[in-house]
Amino acid sequence: MEETQERLLMLAQSVGVADAMDALGRLHRHHSHMVDLSSPAPDRLLFGPAVTMSFFPTCEDALPSETFNFVNVFDQAVREGALGRVLVMASNGYPDVSLGGGTKMSRPVGRGLRGVLADGRLRDFSQLEENGLAVYCRGEEARWGGDKVTPFEANRPVVVYGVAVRPGDYVWATDGNL
């Protein structure tokens, strides 16, 4: 698996995103691209198989924070392996809410993920730029989002930016386009 993933990474580095999207569009005939992504380091290539997390509106009675929190749901997402993967976080209708920041994104760094794709916002762009991850999202947010959304489930198919992403699907982004 590791050798195949490295070969795919080398191929992704040599082919333009637009060329790949044209080919995918002709081959599969479904929406598979995202534009206008923000990144604290847009020169970093985001590439690897997806692990997913989805968020749900915060409700302490239905989703108690001792169970439904970033650490627990992230750990579920990477249970089968983290090295070289991309964490895809679906806001489920809350694109302007922060899904995490420098502290939470230190977990993917520590577990060896290649990067993060979020269809919500992220905090602490300066820390995210320093941590070495390839990160793409809707933009930076200063406000904590935990009173609006809470991590809900891991490794289920999600929809981000109108694109279906299943665990194991390859995610590829560079220069603000996916």
Protein backbone atom coordinates (compact mmCIF):
# COMPACT_ATOMS: atom_id res chain seq x y z
CA MET A 1 0.00 0.00 0.00
CA GLU A 2 2.75 2.46 0.96
CA GLU A 3 4.64 1.92 -2.32
CA THR A 4 1.47 2.44 -4.38
CA GLN A 5 0.62 5.57 -2.44
CA GLU A 6 4.10 7.00 -3.03
CA ARG A 7 3.84 6.29 -6.78
CA LEU A 8 0.47 8.03 -6.88
CA LEU A 9 1.94 10.99 -4.99
CA MET A 10 4.76 11.30 -7.56
CA LEU A 11 2.17 11.21 -10.36
CA ALA A 12 0.01 13.84 -8.63
CA GLN A 13 3.04 16.11 -8.35
CA SER A 14 3.65 15.90 -12.09
CA VAL A 15 0.09 16.42 -13.39
CA GLY A 16 -1.94 19.60 -13.15
CA VAL A 17 -5.15 19.61 -11.13
CA ALA A 18 -7.12 21.07 -14.07
CA ASP A 19 -5.95 18.27 -16.37
CA ALA A 20 -6.90 15.63 -13.83
CA MET A 21 -10.35 17.20 -13.26
CA ASP A 22 -11.01 17.27 -17.00
CA ALA A 23 -10.12 13.58 -17.25
CA LEU A 24 -12.19 12.62 -14.20
CA GLY A 25 -15.16 14.61 -15.46
CA ARG A 26 -15.11 12.85 -18.80
CA LEU A 27 -14.59 9.43 -17.24
CA HIS A 28 -17.00 9.54 -14.29
CA ARG A 29 -19.48 12.30 -15.16
CA HIS A 30 -19.94 13.45 -11.58
CA HIS A 31 -18.90 16.54 -9.67
CA SER A 32 -15.42 15.94 -8.27
CA HIS A 33 -13.81 19.34 -7.90
CA MET A 34 -13.77 22.28 -5.53
CA VAL A 35 -12.52 25.79 -6.15
CA ASP A 36 -11.78 28.86 -4.06
CA LEU A 37 -10.27 26.94 -1.17
CA SER A 38 -8.20 28.85 1.37
CA SER A 39 -4.94 27.61 2.79
CA PRO A 40 -2.35 28.99 5.18
CA ALA A 41 0.28 27.44 2.85
CA PRO A 42 -1.24 27.11 -0.65
CA ASP A 43 2.02 25.84 -2.12
CA ARG A 44 1.64 22.56 -0.20
CA LEU A 45 0.22 19.59 -2.05
CA LEU A 46 -2.67 17.87 -0.28
CA PHE A 47 -2.77 14.27 -1.45
CA GLY A 48 -3.75 10.95 0.06
CA PRO A 49 -6.59 8.61 0.91
CA ALA A 50 -9.37 10.13 3.00
CA VAL A 51 -10.44 9.49 6.55
CA THR A 52 -13.57 11.42 7.40
CA MET A 53 -15.20 13.26 10.27
CA SER A 54 -18.60 14.89 10.18
CA PHE A 55 -19.95 17.55 12.48
CA PHE A 56 -23.49 18.00 13.75
CA PRO A 57 -25.30 20.88 15.46
CA THR A 58 -24.23 21.07 19.09
CA CYS A 59 -26.74 19.66 21.58
CA GLU A 60 -25.26 18.56 24.91
CA ASP A 61 -28.35 16.45 25.75
CA ALA A 62 -28.22 14.43 22.52
CA LEU A 63 -24.45 14.55 21.94
CA PRO A 64 -22.66 14.70 25.31
CA SER A 65 -19.24 16.26 25.00
CA GLU A 66 -17.51 13.49 26.96
CA THR A 67 -18.28 11.19 23.99
CA PHE A 68 -18.71 13.56 21.05
CA ASN A 69 -15.52 15.58 20.98
CA PHE A 70 -12.66 16.12 18.56
CA VAL A 71 -10.25 13.70 20.27
CA ASN A 72 -12.69 10.76 20.36
CA VAL A 73 -14.05 11.19 16.84
CA PHE A 74 -10.58 11.84 15.37
CA ASP A 75 -9.26 8.69 17.07
CA GLN A 76 -12.12 6.73 15.49
CA ALA A 77 -11.30 8.22 12.08
CA VAL A 78 -7.66 7.07 12.21
CA ARG A 79 -8.23 3.77 13.98
CA GLU A 80 -7.33 1.78 10.83
CA GLY A 81 -4.27 3.92 10.13
CA ALA A 82 -3.26 7.53 9.77
CA LEU A 83 0.09 7.67 8.02
CA GLY A 84 -0.17 9.53 4.70
CA ARG A 85 -3.93 10.03 4.92
CA VAL A 86 -6.01 13.19 4.58
CA LEU A 87 -8.56 14.17 7.22
CA VAL A 88 -11.74 15.36 5.49
CA MET A 89 -14.07 17.28 7.80
CA ALA A 90 -17.69 17.92 6.76
CA SER A 91 -19.47 20.81 8.44
CA ASN A 92 -22.93 19.57 7.39
CA GLY A 93 -24.36 22.97 6.58
CA TYR A 94 -22.15 25.18 8.78
CA PRO A 95 -19.54 26.47 6.31
CA ASP A 96 -18.75 29.64 8.28
CA VAL A 97 -18.06 27.91 11.60
CA SER A 98 -14.60 26.89 12.81
CA LEU A 99 -14.10 23.12 12.88
CA GLY A 100 -10.71 23.32 14.58
CA GLY A 101 -7.49 25.23 14.88
CA GLY A 102 -3.85 24.95 15.80
CA THR A 103 -4.37 22.79 18.89
CA LYS A 104 -6.79 20.32 17.29
CA MET A 105 -4.77 20.16 14.09
CA SER A 106 -1.71 19.11 16.08
CA ARG A 107 -3.36 15.66 16.32
CA PRO A 108 -3.16 15.00 12.56
CA VAL A 109 0.47 16.18 12.61
CA GLY A 110 1.32 13.86 15.50
CA ARG A 111 -0.33 10.88 13.81
CA GLY A 112 1.40 11.36 10.45
CA LEU A 113 -1.48 12.57 8.30
CA ARG A 114 -0.55 14.47 5.14
CA GLY A 115 -3.20 17.12 5.54
CA VAL A 116 -6.70 18.35 6.18
CA LEU A 117 -9.62 19.35 3.95
CA ALA A 118 -12.54 21.09 5.66
CA ASP A 119 -15.70 22.54 4.18
CA GLY A 120 -15.89 24.80 7.21
CA ARG A 121 -13.40 27.32 8.48
CA LEU A 122 -10.28 26.77 10.56
CA ARG A 123 -8.61 28.91 13.20
CA ASP A 124 -4.99 29.85 13.78
CA PHE A 125 -3.69 30.00 10.19
CA SER A 126 -0.24 31.10 11.41
CA GLN A 127 0.06 27.93 13.55
CA LEU A 128 -1.30 25.78 10.71
CA GLU A 129 1.31 27.22 8.35
CA GLU A 130 4.08 26.33 10.81
CA ASN A 131 2.92 22.76 11.53
CA GLY A 132 3.78 21.40 8.07
CA LEU A 133 0.34 20.02 7.14
CA ALA A 134 -1.26 20.76 3.81
CA VAL A 135 -4.52 22.42 4.88
CA TYR A 136 -7.40 23.59 2.70
CA CYS A 137 -10.70 25.00 3.96
CA ARG A 138 -13.29 27.76 3.46
CA GLY A 139 -11.12 30.34 5.19
CA GLU A 140 -9.85 31.47 8.56
CA GLU A 141 -12.15 32.08 11.52
CA ALA A 142 -11.18 33.69 14.80
CA ARG A 143 -14.18 32.47 16.80
CA TRP A 144 -14.43 29.00 18.39
CA GLY A 145 -17.18 26.91 16.77
CA GLY A 146 -17.90 24.37 19.52
CA ASP A 147 -21.12 26.09 20.55
CA LYS A 148 -22.45 25.66 17.00
CA VAL A 149 -21.16 22.23 15.87
CA THR A 150 -19.66 19.18 17.49
CA PRO A 151 -17.73 16.24 16.02
CA PHE A 152 -20.30 13.54 15.41
CA GLU A 153 -19.08 10.50 13.47
CA ALA A 154 -16.05 9.12 11.69
CA ASN A 155 -15.35 7.26 8.47
CA ARG A 156 -18.73 7.56 6.87
CA PRO A 157 -19.26 9.03 3.42
CA VAL A 158 -19.49 12.82 3.61
CA VAL A 159 -20.26 15.66 1.22
CA VAL A 160 -17.83 18.59 1.17
CA TYR A 161 -18.29 21.49 -1.25
CA GLY A 162 -20.92 19.39 -3.05
CA VAL A 163 -18.47 16.52 -3.64
CA ALA A 164 -19.03 13.06 -2.20
CA VAL A 165 -15.98 11.74 -0.34
CA ARG A 166 -15.87 8.18 0.96
CA PRO A 167 -13.22 6.90 3.34
CA GLY A 168 -10.34 5.71 1.19
CA ASP A 169 -11.11 8.02 -1.76
CA TYR A 170 -8.06 10.00 -2.81
CA VAL A 171 -8.06 13.71 -2.08
CA TRP A 172 -5.85 16.02 -4.11
CA ALA A 173 -5.53 19.79 -3.78
CA THR A 174 -2.99 22.44 -4.59
CA ASP A 175 -3.02 26.20 -5.09
CA GLY A 176 -6.57 26.52 -3.74
CA ASN A 177 -8.20 24.02 -6.12
CA LEU A 178 -9.29 20.45 -5.70
